[in-house]
Amino acid sequence: MFIAVYEFEIKQGTEAEFRKAWLEVTKVIYQQCGSFGSRLHTSDDPSILVGYAQWPSREQWEKDHELTDAVYLVARQKMKDCLVQSKTVYKLEVSDDYLQAYSATATCA
C-alpha cells in the first residue's frame, strides 16, 4: 500500500469551502482512479490542513489520471482558489500495519 501526505495552506476564511471542495475531489478520485480514499485533518495552525490518501500502489498513484468529470473540475478549481500553496510532504510505502477500524473496549489506566 502507498500513502501520499499533503499539506494545504489555505487562505483565511476559506476552510469550509476548501473542505467541501476537497471532499468532492476525493470522491471522484476514489470512484474513477482506484484510490482507497483519503482523510483531511486540521492542525494547530488554522491555515494548515493535512491530508493523506491511500492507494494500492505507488504505480496506481503515479498514473496519469485524466479526469474530465464536471464535478471534479469545478471542485478542483474551488480548492485551488482557496489555496495559498500545497505540497506533497511525504510519499510513503506501508512497512507494517496495525491500524484498526475500531477501538478496543479496554481502557488504559
PDB file of N, CA and C in Angstrom:
ATOM      1  N   MET A   1       0.837  -1.171   0.000  1.00  0.00           N
ATOM      2  CA  MET A   1       0.000   0.000   0.000  1.00  0.00           C
ATOM      3  C   MET A   1       0.885   1.237   0.000  1.00  0.00           C
ATOM      4  N   PHE A   2       0.420   2.274  -0.698  1.00  0.00           N
ATOM      5  CA  PHE A   2       1.145   3.527  -0.839  1.00  0.00           C
ATOM      6  C   PHE A   2       0.323   4.651  -0.222  1.00  0.00           C
ATOM      7  N   ILE A   3       0.999   5.561   0.465  1.00  0.00           N
ATOM      8  CA  ILE A   3       0.352   6.706   1.103  1.00  0.00           C
ATOM      9  C   ILE A   3       1.014   7.986   0.613  1.00  0.00           C
ATOM     10  N   ALA A   4       0.214   8.952   0.224  1.00  0.00           N
ATOM     11  CA  ALA A   4       0.707  10.292  -0.103  1.00  0.00           C
ATOM     12  C   ALA A   4       0.166  11.243   0.957  1.00  0.00           C
ATOM     13  N   VAL A   5       1.059  12.043   1.538  1.00  0.00           N
ATOM     14  CA  VAL A   5       0.677  13.006   2.572  1.00  0.00           C
ATOM     15  C   VAL A   5       0.825  14.407   1.989  1.00  0.00           C
ATOM     16  N   TYR A   6      -0.228  15.193   2.118  1.00  0.00           N
ATOM     17  CA  TYR A   6      -0.268  16.533   1.533  1.00  0.00           C
ATOM     18  C   TYR A   6      -0.432  17.588   2.615  1.00  0.00           C
ATOM     19  N   GLU A   7       0.169  18.738   2.384  1.00  0.00           N
ATOM     20  CA  GLU A   7      -0.047  19.892   3.250  1.00  0.00           C
ATOM     21  C   GLU A   7      -0.692  20.986   2.414  1.00  0.00           C
ATOM     22  N   PHE A   8      -1.806  21.502   2.907  1.00  0.00           N
ATOM     23  CA  PHE A   8      -2.537  22.560   2.224  1.00  0.00           C
ATOM     24  C   PHE A   8      -2.514  23.812   3.098  1.00  0.00           C
ATOM     25  N   GLU A   9      -1.955  24.896   2.582  1.00  0.00           N
ATOM     26  CA  GLU A   9      -2.055  26.181   3.262  1.00  0.00           C
ATOM     27  C   GLU A   9      -3.189  26.936   2.594  1.00  0.00           C
ATOM     28  N   ILE A  10      -4.209  27.254   3.374  1.00  0.00           N
ATOM     29  CA  ILE A  10      -5.402  27.868   2.801  1.00  0.00           C
ATOM     30  C   ILE A  10      -5.508  29.330   3.205  1.00  0.00           C
ATOM     31  N   LYS A  11      -6.219  30.080   2.385  1.00  0.00           N
ATOM     32  CA  LYS A  11      -6.473  31.491   2.665  1.00  0.00           C
ATOM     33  C   LYS A  11      -7.420  31.609   3.861  1.00  0.00           C
ATOM     34  N   GLN A  12      -7.219  32.627   4.649  1.00  0.00           N
ATOM     35  CA  GLN A  12      -8.052  32.856   5.826  1.00  0.00           C
ATOM     36  C   GLN A  12      -9.521  32.935   5.421  1.00  0.00           C
ATOM     37  N   GLY A  13     -10.367  32.242   6.175  1.00  0.00           N
ATOM     38  CA  GLY A  13     -11.806  32.278   5.940  1.00  0.00           C
ATOM     39  C   GLY A  13     -12.316  31.318   4.884  1.00  0.00           C
ATOM     40  N   THR A  14     -11.445  30.443   4.348  1.00  0.00           N
ATOM     41  CA  THR A  14     -11.872  29.546   3.269  1.00  0.00           C
ATOM     42  C   THR A  14     -11.956  28.078   3.689  1.00  0.00           C
ATOM     43  N   GLU A  15     -11.816  27.788   4.987  1.00  0.00           N
ATOM     44  CA  GLU A  15     -11.759  26.384   5.409  1.00  0.00           C
ATOM     45  C   GLU A  15     -13.000  25.599   4.997  1.00  0.00           C
ATOM     46  N   ALA A  16     -14.187  26.118   5.257  1.00  0.00           N
ATOM     47  CA  ALA A  16     -15.415  25.385   4.930  1.00  0.00           C
ATOM     48  C   ALA A  16     -15.509  25.115   3.423  1.00  0.00           C
ATOM     49  N   GLU A  17     -15.212  26.121   2.616  1.00  0.00           N
ATOM     50  CA  GLU A  17     -15.267  25.967   1.153  1.00  0.00           C
ATOM     51  C   GLU A  17     -14.222  24.960   0.676  1.00  0.00           C
ATOM     52  N   PHE A  18     -13.011  25.064   1.236  1.00  0.00           N
ATOM     53  CA  PHE A  18     -11.954  24.135   0.846  1.00  0.00           C
ATOM     54  C   PHE A  18     -12.345  22.707   1.203  1.00  0.00           C
ATOM     55  N   ARG A  19     -12.838  22.499   2.412  1.00  0.00           N
ATOM     56  CA  ARG A  19     -13.189  21.147   2.861  1.00  0.00           C
ATOM     57  C   ARG A  19     -14.295  20.542   1.997  1.00  0.00           C
ATOM     58  N   LYS A  20     -15.281  21.338   1.631  1.00  0.00           N
ATOM     59  CA  LYS A  20     -16.355  20.850   0.765  1.00  0.00           C
ATOM     60  C   LYS A  20     -15.803  20.455  -0.612  1.00  0.00           C
ATOM     61  N   ALA A  21     -14.968  21.305  -1.172  1.00  0.00           N
ATOM     62  CA  ALA A  21     -14.381  21.014  -2.487  1.00  0.00           C
ATOM     63  C   ALA A  21     -13.448  19.813  -2.404  1.00  0.00           C
ATOM     64  N   TRP A  22     -12.645  19.730  -1.332  1.00  0.00           N
ATOM     65  CA  TRP A  22     -11.736  18.599  -1.145  1.00  0.00           C
ATOM     66  C   TRP A  22     -12.517  17.289  -1.146  1.00  0.00           C
ATOM     67  N   LEU A  23     -13.669  17.266  -0.463  1.00  0.00           N
ATOM     68  CA  LEU A  23     -14.473  16.044  -0.402  1.00  0.00           C
ATOM     69  C   LEU A  23     -14.958  15.638  -1.794  1.00  0.00           C
ATOM     70  N   GLU A  24     -15.412  16.591  -2.582  1.00  0.00           N
ATOM     71  CA  GLU A  24     -15.879  16.276  -3.940  1.00  0.00           C
ATOM     72  C   GLU A  24     -14.738  15.740  -4.804  1.00  0.00           C
ATOM     73  N   VAL A  25     -13.584  16.377  -4.729  1.00  0.00           N
ATOM     74  CA  VAL A  25     -12.409  15.922  -5.484  1.00  0.00           C
ATOM     75  C   VAL A  25     -12.034  14.507  -5.054  1.00  0.00           C
ATOM     76  N   THR A  26     -11.995  14.283  -3.761  1.00  0.00           N
ATOM     77  CA  THR A  26     -11.607  12.982  -3.220  1.00  0.00           C
ATOM     78  C   THR A  26     -12.572  11.884  -3.648  1.00  0.00           C
ATOM     79  N   LYS A  27     -13.869  12.173  -3.643  1.00  0.00           N
ATOM     80  CA  LYS A  27     -14.869  11.179  -4.061  1.00  0.00           C
ATOM     81  C   LYS A  27     -14.648  10.743  -5.510  1.00  0.00           C
ATOM     82  N   VAL A  28     -14.398  11.712  -6.386  1.00  0.00           N
ATOM     83  CA  VAL A  28     -14.192  11.379  -7.805  1.00  0.00           C
ATOM     84  C   VAL A  28     -12.906  10.574  -7.978  1.00  0.00           C
ATOM     85  N   ILE A  29     -11.840  10.962  -7.295  1.00  0.00           N
ATOM     86  CA  ILE A  29     -10.586  10.213  -7.394  1.00  0.00           C
ATOM     87  C   ILE A  29     -10.793   8.775  -6.902  1.00  0.00           C
ATOM     88  N   TYR A  30     -11.509   8.620  -5.812  1.00  0.00           N
ATOM     89  CA  TYR A  30     -11.820   7.278  -5.292  1.00  0.00           C
ATOM     90  C   TYR A  30     -12.610   6.463  -6.321  1.00  0.00           C
ATOM     91  N   GLN A  31     -13.638   7.066  -6.879  1.00  0.00           N
ATOM     92  CA  GLN A  31     -14.526   6.357  -7.794  1.00  0.00           C
ATOM     93  C   GLN A  31     -13.892   6.065  -9.151  1.00  0.00           C
ATOM     94  N   GLN A  32     -13.008   6.938  -9.636  1.00  0.00           N
ATOM     95  CA  GLN A  32     -12.525   6.807 -11.001  1.00  0.00           C
ATOM     96  C   GLN A  32     -11.044   6.442 -11.141  1.00  0.00           C
ATOM     97  N   CYS A  33     -10.276   6.542 -10.067  1.00  0.00           N
ATOM     98  CA  CYS A  33      -8.827   6.353 -10.199  1.00  0.00           C
ATOM     99  C   CYS A  33      -8.279   5.175  -9.407  1.00  0.00           C
ATOM    100  N   GLY A  34      -9.112   4.529  -8.620  1.00  0.00           N
ATOM    101  CA  GLY A  34      -8.647   3.344  -7.910  1.00  0.00           C
ATOM    102  C   GLY A  34      -7.947   3.605  -6.590  1.00  0.00           C
ATOM    103  N   SER A  35      -8.170   4.781  -5.984  1.00  0.00           N
ATOM    104  CA  SER A  35      -7.585   5.020  -4.657  1.00  0.00           C
ATOM    105  C   SER A  35      -8.435   4.314  -3.610  1.00  0.00           C
ATOM    106  N   PHE A  36      -7.905   4.245  -2.398  1.00  0.00           N
ATOM    107  CA  PHE A  36      -8.662   3.705  -1.273  1.00  0.00           C
ATOM    108  C   PHE A  36      -9.356   4.819  -0.494  1.00  0.00           C
ATOM    109  N   GLY A  37      -9.210   6.045  -0.951  1.00  0.00           N
ATOM    110  CA  GLY A  37      -9.811   7.177  -0.267  1.00  0.00           C
ATOM    111  C   GLY A  37      -8.763   8.025   0.416  1.00  0.00           C
ATOM    112  N   SER A  38      -9.235   8.997   1.175  1.00  0.00           N
ATOM    113  CA  SER A  38      -8.347   9.976   1.771  1.00  0.00           C
ATOM    114  C   SER A  38      -8.969  10.521   3.049  1.00  0.00           C
ATOM    115  N   ARG A  39      -8.139  11.125   3.877  1.00  0.00           N
ATOM    116  CA  ARG A  39      -8.588  11.818   5.083  1.00  0.00           C
ATOM    117  C   ARG A  39      -7.973  13.206   5.098  1.00  0.00           C
ATOM    118  N   LEU A  40      -8.731  14.155   5.631  1.00  0.00           N
ATOM    119  CA  LEU A  40      -8.249  15.522   5.775  1.00  0.00           C
ATOM    120  C   LEU A  40      -8.254  15.863   7.254  1.00  0.00           C
ATOM    121  N   HIS A  41      -7.191  16.510   7.717  1.00  0.00           N
ATOM    122  CA  HIS A  41      -7.024  16.831   9.131  1.00  0.00           C
ATOM    123  C   HIS A  41      -6.776  18.319   9.312  1.00  0.00           C
ATOM    124  N   THR A  42      -7.319  18.862  10.401  1.00  0.00           N
ATOM    125  CA  THR A  42      -6.955  20.207  10.805  1.00  0.00           C
ATOM    126  C   THR A  42      -5.653  20.105  11.596  1.00  0.00           C
ATOM    127  N   SER A  43      -4.980  21.228  11.763  1.00  0.00           N
ATOM    128  CA  SER A  43      -3.750  21.250  12.544  1.00  0.00           C
ATOM    129  C   SER A  43      -3.862  22.353  13.594  1.00  0.00           C
ATOM    130  N   ASP A  44      -2.822  22.514  14.377  1.00  0.00           N
ATOM    131  CA  ASP A  44      -2.807  23.590  15.373  1.00  0.00           C
ATOM    132  C   ASP A  44      -2.817  24.965  14.714  1.00  0.00           C
ATOM    133  N   ASP A  45      -2.374  25.030  13.489  1.00  0.00           N
ATOM    134  CA  ASP A  45      -2.389  26.275  12.718  1.00  0.00           C
ATOM    135  C   ASP A  45      -3.651  26.261  11.849  1.00  0.00           C
ATOM    136  N   PRO A  46      -4.609  27.165  12.077  1.00  0.00           N
ATOM    137  CA  PRO A  46      -5.869  27.118  11.325  1.00  0.00           C
ATOM    138  C   PRO A  46      -5.719  27.307   9.820  1.00  0.00           C
ATOM    139  N   SER A  47      -4.565  27.775   9.360  1.00  0.00           N
ATOM    140  CA  SER A  47      -4.370  27.944   7.916  1.00  0.00           C
ATOM    141  C   SER A  47      -3.760  26.703   7.267  1.00  0.00           C
ATOM    142  N   ILE A  48      -3.433  25.682   8.068  1.00  0.00           N
ATOM    143  CA  ILE A  48      -2.808  24.464   7.533  1.00  0.00           C
ATOM    144  C   ILE A  48      -3.728  23.267   7.726  1.00  0.00           C
ATOM    145  N   LEU A  49      -4.042  22.602   6.633  1.00  0.00           N
ATOM    146  CA  LEU A  49      -4.761  21.332   6.657  1.00  0.00           C
ATOM    147  C   LEU A  49      -3.824  20.271   6.106  1.00  0.00           C
ATOM    148  N   VAL A  50      -3.927  19.072   6.635  1.00  0.00           N
ATOM    149  CA  VAL A  50      -3.074  17.969   6.199  1.00  0.00           C
ATOM    150  C   VAL A  50      -3.970  16.839   5.726  1.00  0.00           C
ATOM    151  N   GLY A  51      -3.675  16.319   4.552  1.00  0.00           N
ATOM    152  CA  GLY A  51      -4.442  15.206   4.007  1.00  0.00           C
ATOM    153  C   GLY A  51      -3.537  14.046   3.694  1.00  0.00           C
ATOM    154  N   TYR A  52      -4.107  12.862   3.751  1.00  0.00           N
ATOM    155  CA  TYR A  52      -3.358  11.719   3.244  1.00  0.00           C
ATOM    156  C   TYR A  52      -4.293  10.837   2.457  1.00  0.00           C
ATOM    157  N   ALA A  53      -3.750  10.278   1.405  1.00  0.00           N
ATOM    158  CA  ALA A  53      -4.513   9.412   0.502  1.00  0.00           C
ATOM    159  C   ALA A  53      -3.853   8.050   0.462  1.00  0.00           C
ATOM    160  N   GLN A  54      -4.683   7.019   0.489  1.00  0.00           N
ATOM    161  CA  GLN A  54      -4.179   5.653   0.410  1.00  0.00           C
ATOM    162  C   GLN A  54      -4.452   5.095  -0.988  1.00  0.00           C
ATOM    163  N   TRP A  55      -3.439   4.415  -1.498  1.00  0.00           N
ATOM    164  CA  TRP A  55      -3.508   3.820  -2.837  1.00  0.00           C
ATOM    165  C   TRP A  55      -3.020   2.379  -2.768  1.00  0.00           C
ATOM    166  N   PRO A  56      -3.454   1.535  -3.678  1.00  0.00           N
ATOM    167  CA  PRO A  56      -2.960   0.156  -3.682  1.00  0.00           C
ATOM    168  C   PRO A  56      -1.462   0.075  -3.961  1.00  0.00           C
ATOM    169  N   SER A  57      -0.935   1.058  -4.718  1.00  0.00           N
ATOM    170  CA  SER A  57       0.495   1.041  -5.063  1.00  0.00           C
ATOM    171  C   SER A  57       0.922   2.439  -5.499  1.00  0.00           C
ATOM    172  N   ARG A  58       2.227   2.671  -5.457  1.00  0.00           N
ATOM    173  CA  ARG A  58       2.773   3.930  -5.959  1.00  0.00           C
ATOM    174  C   ARG A  58       2.462   4.066  -7.457  1.00  0.00           C
ATOM    175  N   GLU A  59       2.545   2.965  -8.176  1.00  0.00           N
ATOM    176  CA  GLU A  59       2.279   2.997  -9.625  1.00  0.00           C
ATOM    177  C   GLU A  59       0.857   3.485  -9.913  1.00  0.00           C
ATOM    178  N   GLN A  60      -0.118   3.039  -9.127  1.00  0.00           N
ATOM    179  CA  GLN A  60      -1.504   3.476  -9.320  1.00  0.00           C
ATOM    180  C   GLN A  60      -1.627   4.980  -9.037  1.00  0.00           C
ATOM    181  N   TRP A  61      -0.947   5.450  -8.002  1.00  0.00           N
ATOM    182  CA  TRP A  61      -0.972   6.868  -7.651  1.00  0.00           C
ATOM    183  C   TRP A  61      -0.319   7.721  -8.741  1.00  0.00           C
ATOM    184  N   GLU A  62       0.779   7.213  -9.333  1.00  0.00           N
ATOM    185  CA  GLU A  62       1.533   7.974 -10.332  1.00  0.00           C
ATOM    186  C   GLU A  62       0.906   7.981 -11.718  1.00  0.00           C
ATOM    187  N   LYS A  63      -0.068   7.112 -11.963  1.00  0.00           N
ATOM    188  CA  LYS A  63      -0.693   7.072 -13.293  1.00  0.00           C
ATOM    189  C   LYS A  63      -1.215   8.447 -13.676  1.00  0.00           C
ATOM    190  N   ASP A  64      -1.221   8.706 -14.964  1.00  0.00           N
ATOM    191  CA  ASP A  64      -1.757   9.955 -15.478  1.00  0.00           C
ATOM    192  C   ASP A  64      -3.281   9.834 -15.514  1.00  0.00           C
ATOM    193  N   HIS A  65      -3.922  10.304 -14.458  1.00  0.00           N
ATOM    194  CA  HIS A  65      -5.379  10.217 -14.347  1.00  0.00           C
ATOM    195  C   HIS A  65      -5.988  11.471 -14.977  1.00  0.00           C
ATOM    196  N   GLU A  66      -6.469  11.337 -16.182  1.00  0.00           N
ATOM    197  CA  GLU A  66      -7.068  12.473 -16.879  1.00  0.00           C
ATOM    198  C   GLU A  66      -8.551  12.503 -16.565  1.00  0.00           C
ATOM    199  N   LEU A  67      -8.899  13.300 -15.573  1.00  0.00           N
ATOM    200  CA  LEU A  67     -10.282  13.386 -15.125  1.00  0.00           C
ATOM    201  C   LEU A  67     -10.991  14.519 -15.840  1.00  0.00           C
ATOM    202  N   THR A  68     -12.132  14.198 -16.433  1.00  0.00           N
ATOM    203  CA  THR A  68     -12.911  15.195 -17.156  1.00  0.00           C
ATOM    204  C   THR A  68     -14.286  15.391 -16.523  1.00  0.00           C
ATOM    205  N   ASP A  69     -14.531  14.702 -15.420  1.00  0.00           N
ATOM    206  CA  ASP A  69     -15.799  14.800 -14.703  1.00  0.00           C
ATOM    207  C   ASP A  69     -16.051  16.259 -14.312  1.00  0.00           C
ATOM    208  N   ALA A  70     -17.233  16.780 -14.640  1.00  0.00           N
ATOM    209  CA  ALA A  70     -17.539  18.190 -14.384  1.00  0.00           C
ATOM    210  C   ALA A  70     -17.501  18.524 -12.897  1.00  0.00           C
ATOM    211  N   VAL A  71     -18.018  17.639 -12.064  1.00  0.00           N
ATOM    212  CA  VAL A  71     -17.996  17.865 -10.611  1.00  0.00           C
ATOM    213  C   VAL A  71     -16.553  17.992 -10.130  1.00  0.00           C
ATOM    214  N   TYR A  72     -15.690  17.107 -10.609  1.00  0.00           N
ATOM    215  CA  TYR A  72     -14.278  17.136 -10.236  1.00  0.00           C
ATOM    216  C   TYR A  72     -13.632  18.452 -10.663  1.00  0.00           C
ATOM    217  N   LEU A  73     -13.831  18.844 -11.896  1.00  0.00           N
ATOM    218  CA  LEU A  73     -13.178  20.038 -12.428  1.00  0.00           C
ATOM    219  C   LEU A  73     -13.596  21.301 -11.667  1.00  0.00           C
ATOM    220  N   VAL A  74     -14.878  21.425 -11.362  1.00  0.00           N
ATOM    221  CA  VAL A  74     -15.363  22.587 -10.617  1.00  0.00           C
ATOM    222  C   VAL A  74     -14.805  22.569  -9.196  1.00  0.00           C
ATOM    223  N   ALA A  75     -14.883  21.415  -8.541  1.00  0.00           N
ATOM    224  CA  ALA A  75     -14.391  21.307  -7.166  1.00  0.00           C
ATOM    225  C   ALA A  75     -12.883  21.527  -7.103  1.00  0.00           C
ATOM    226  N   ARG A  76     -12.144  20.995  -8.057  1.00  0.00           N
ATOM    227  CA  ARG A  76     -10.690  21.172  -8.079  1.00  0.00           C
ATOM    228  C   ARG A  76     -10.330  22.655  -8.202  1.00  0.00           C
ATOM    229  N   GLN A  77     -11.067  23.372  -9.032  1.00  0.00           N
ATOM    230  CA  GLN A  77     -10.813  24.812  -9.171  1.00  0.00           C
ATOM    231  C   GLN A  77     -11.146  25.548  -7.876  1.00  0.00           C
ATOM    232  N   LYS A  78     -12.231  25.150  -7.212  1.00  0.00           N
ATOM    233  CA  LYS A  78     -12.578  25.778  -5.928  1.00  0.00           C
ATOM    234  C   LYS A  78     -11.489  25.527  -4.897  1.00  0.00           C
ATOM    235  N   MET A  79     -10.939  24.313  -4.868  1.00  0.00           N
ATOM    236  CA  MET A  79      -9.827  24.024  -3.964  1.00  0.00           C
ATOM    237  C   MET A  79      -8.663  24.971  -4.262  1.00  0.00           C
ATOM    238  N   LYS A  80      -8.290  25.059  -5.523  1.00  0.00           N
ATOM    239  CA  LYS A  80      -7.166  25.910  -5.923  1.00  0.00           C
ATOM    240  C   LYS A  80      -7.401  27.362  -5.530  1.00  0.00           C
ATOM    241  N   ASP A  81      -8.644  27.831  -5.664  1.00  0.00           N
ATOM    242  CA  ASP A  81      -8.965  29.216  -5.323  1.00  0.00           C
ATOM    243  C   ASP A  81      -8.792  29.490  -3.828  1.00  0.00           C
ATOM    244  N   CYS A  82      -8.891  28.472  -2.995  1.00  0.00           N
ATOM    245  CA  CYS A  82      -8.747  28.615  -1.545  1.00  0.00           C
ATOM    246  C   CYS A  82      -7.299  28.517  -1.081  1.00  0.00           C
ATOM    247  N   LEU A  83      -6.419  28.072  -1.951  1.00  0.00           N
ATOM    248  CA  LEU A  83      -5.047  27.770  -1.545  1.00  0.00           C
ATOM    249  C   LEU A  83      -4.095  28.956  -1.607  1.00  0.00           C
ATOM    250  N   VAL A  84      -3.213  29.005  -0.616  1.00  0.00           N
ATOM    251  CA  VAL A  84      -2.015  29.822  -0.702  1.00  0.00           C
ATOM    252  C   VAL A  84      -0.957  28.973  -1.396  1.00  0.00           C
ATOM    253  N   GLN A  85      -0.834  27.717  -0.938  1.00  0.00           N
ATOM    254  CA  GLN A  85       0.071  26.747  -1.553  1.00  0.00           C
ATOM    255  C   GLN A  85      -0.296  25.352  -1.082  1.00  0.00           C
ATOM    256  N   SER A  86       0.167  24.365  -1.827  1.00  0.00           N
ATOM    257  CA  SER A  86       0.017  22.974  -1.408  1.00  0.00           C
ATOM    258  C   SER A  86       1.260  22.215  -1.843  1.00  0.00           C
ATOM    259  N   LYS A  87       1.532  21.136  -1.119  1.00  0.00           N
ATOM    260  CA  LYS A  87       2.678  20.315  -1.487  1.00  0.00           C
ATOM    261  C   LYS A  87       2.469  18.894  -1.005  1.00  0.00           C
ATOM    262  N   THR A  88       3.114  17.983  -1.693  1.00  0.00           N
ATOM    263  CA  THR A  88       3.170  16.602  -1.244  1.00  0.00           C
ATOM    264  C   THR A  88       4.336  16.516  -0.283  1.00  0.00           C
ATOM    265  N   VAL A  89       4.029  16.267   0.982  1.00  0.00           N
ATOM    266  CA  VAL A  89       5.050  16.289   2.032  1.00  0.00           C
ATOM    267  C   VAL A  89       5.795  14.962   2.099  1.00  0.00           C
ATOM    268  N   TYR A  90       5.062  13.859   1.976  1.00  0.00           N
ATOM    269  CA  TYR A  90       5.671  12.528   2.054  1.00  0.00           C
ATOM    270  C   TYR A  90       5.037  11.607   1.031  1.00  0.00           C
ATOM    271  N   LYS A  91       5.849  10.700   0.521  1.00  0.00           N
ATOM    272  CA  LYS A  91       5.418   9.588  -0.314  1.00  0.00           C
ATOM    273  C   LYS A  91       5.888   8.344   0.426  1.00  0.00           C
ATOM    274  N   LEU A  92       4.941   7.564   0.921  1.00  0.00           N
ATOM    275  CA  LEU A  92       5.270   6.500   1.868  1.00  0.00           C
ATOM    276  C   LEU A  92       4.790   5.128   1.402  1.00  0.00           C
ATOM    277  N   GLU A  93       5.618   4.132   1.613  1.00  0.00           N
ATOM    278  CA  GLU A  93       5.225   2.739   1.444  1.00  0.00           C
ATOM    279  C   GLU A  93       4.927   2.183   2.832  1.00  0.00           C
ATOM    280  N   VAL A  94       3.820   1.474   2.992  1.00  0.00           N
ATOM    281  CA  VAL A  94       3.488   0.885   4.286  1.00  0.00           C
ATOM    282  C   VAL A  94       4.430  -0.289   4.524  1.00  0.00           C
ATOM    283  N   SER A  95       5.106  -0.259   5.662  1.00  0.00           N
ATOM    284  CA  SER A  95       6.020  -1.354   6.002  1.00  0.00           C
ATOM    285  C   SER A  95       5.408  -2.291   7.031  1.00  0.00           C
ATOM    286  N   ASP A  96       4.643  -1.750   7.963  1.00  0.00           N
ATOM    287  CA  ASP A  96       3.980  -2.532   8.999  1.00  0.00           C
ATOM    288  C   ASP A  96       2.626  -1.884   9.249  1.00  0.00           C
ATOM    289  N   ASP A  97       1.626  -2.690   9.559  1.00  0.00           N
ATOM    290  CA  ASP A  97       0.279  -2.143   9.667  1.00  0.00           C
ATOM    291  C   ASP A  97      -0.483  -2.796  10.811  1.00  0.00           C
ATOM    292  N   TYR A  98      -0.891  -1.985  11.768  1.00  0.00           N
ATOM    293  CA  TYR A  98      -1.791  -2.459  12.812  1.00  0.00           C
ATOM    294  C   TYR A  98      -2.884  -1.411  13.058  1.00  0.00           C
ATOM    295  N   LEU A  99      -3.251  -0.673  12.018  1.00  0.00           N
ATOM    296  CA  LEU A  99      -4.331   0.291  12.120  1.00  0.00           C
ATOM    297  C   LEU A  99      -5.645  -0.474  12.147  1.00  0.00           C
ATOM    298  N   GLN A 100      -6.485  -0.179  13.129  1.00  0.00           N
ATOM    299  CA  GLN A 100      -7.745  -0.889  13.314  1.00  0.00           C
ATOM    300  C   GLN A 100      -8.927   0.024  12.988  1.00  0.00           C
ATOM    301  N   ALA A 101     -10.011  -0.570  12.549  1.00  0.00           N
ATOM    302  CA  ALA A 101     -11.211   0.194  12.230  1.00  0.00           C
ATOM    303  C   ALA A 101     -11.946   0.640  13.495  1.00  0.00           C
ATOM    304  N   TYR A 102     -11.777  -0.106  14.578  1.00  0.00           N
ATOM    305  CA  TYR A 102     -12.486   0.193  15.816  1.00  0.00           C
ATOM    306  C   TYR A 102     -11.535   0.148  16.989  1.00  0.00           C
ATOM    307  N   SER A 103     -11.865   0.918  18.014  1.00  0.00           N
ATOM    308  CA  SER A 103     -11.066   0.943  19.235  1.00  0.00           C
ATOM    309  C   SER A 103     -11.343  -0.303  20.060  1.00  0.00           C
ATOM    310  N   ALA A 104     -10.324  -0.800  20.758  1.00  0.00           N
ATOM    311  CA  ALA A 104     -10.525  -1.897  21.695  1.00  0.00           C
ATOM    312  C   ALA A 104     -11.398  -1.386  22.842  1.00  0.00           C
ATOM    313  N   THR A 105     -12.099  -2.278  23.512  1.00  0.00           N
ATOM    314  CA  THR A 105     -13.020  -1.857  24.566  1.00  0.00           C
ATOM    315  C   THR A 105     -12.318  -1.616  25.887  1.00  0.00           C
ATOM    316  N   ALA A 106     -11.114  -2.144  26.062  1.00  0.00           N
ATOM    317  CA  ALA A 106     -10.377  -1.931  27.308  1.00  0.00           C
ATOM    318  C   ALA A 106      -9.905  -0.482  27.408  1.00  0.00           C
ATOM    319  N   THR A 107      -9.753   0.008  28.619  1.00  0.00           N
ATOM    320  CA  THR A 107      -9.282   1.372  28.817  1.00  0.00           C
ATOM    321  C   THR A 107      -7.910   1.327  29.492  1.00  0.00           C
ATOM    322  N   CYS A 108      -7.099   2.303  29.156  1.00  0.00           N
ATOM    323  CA  CYS A 108      -5.773   2.410  29.775  1.00  0.00           C
ATOM    324  C   CYS A 108      -5.911   3.115  31.111  1.00  0.00           C
ATOM    325  N   ALA A 109      -5.143   2.666  32.068  1.00  0.00           N
ATOM    326  CA  ALA A 109      -5.201   3.289  33.396  1.00  0.00           C
ATOM    327  C   ALA A 109      -4.171   4.397  33.476  1.00  0.00           C
TER     328      ALA A 109
END
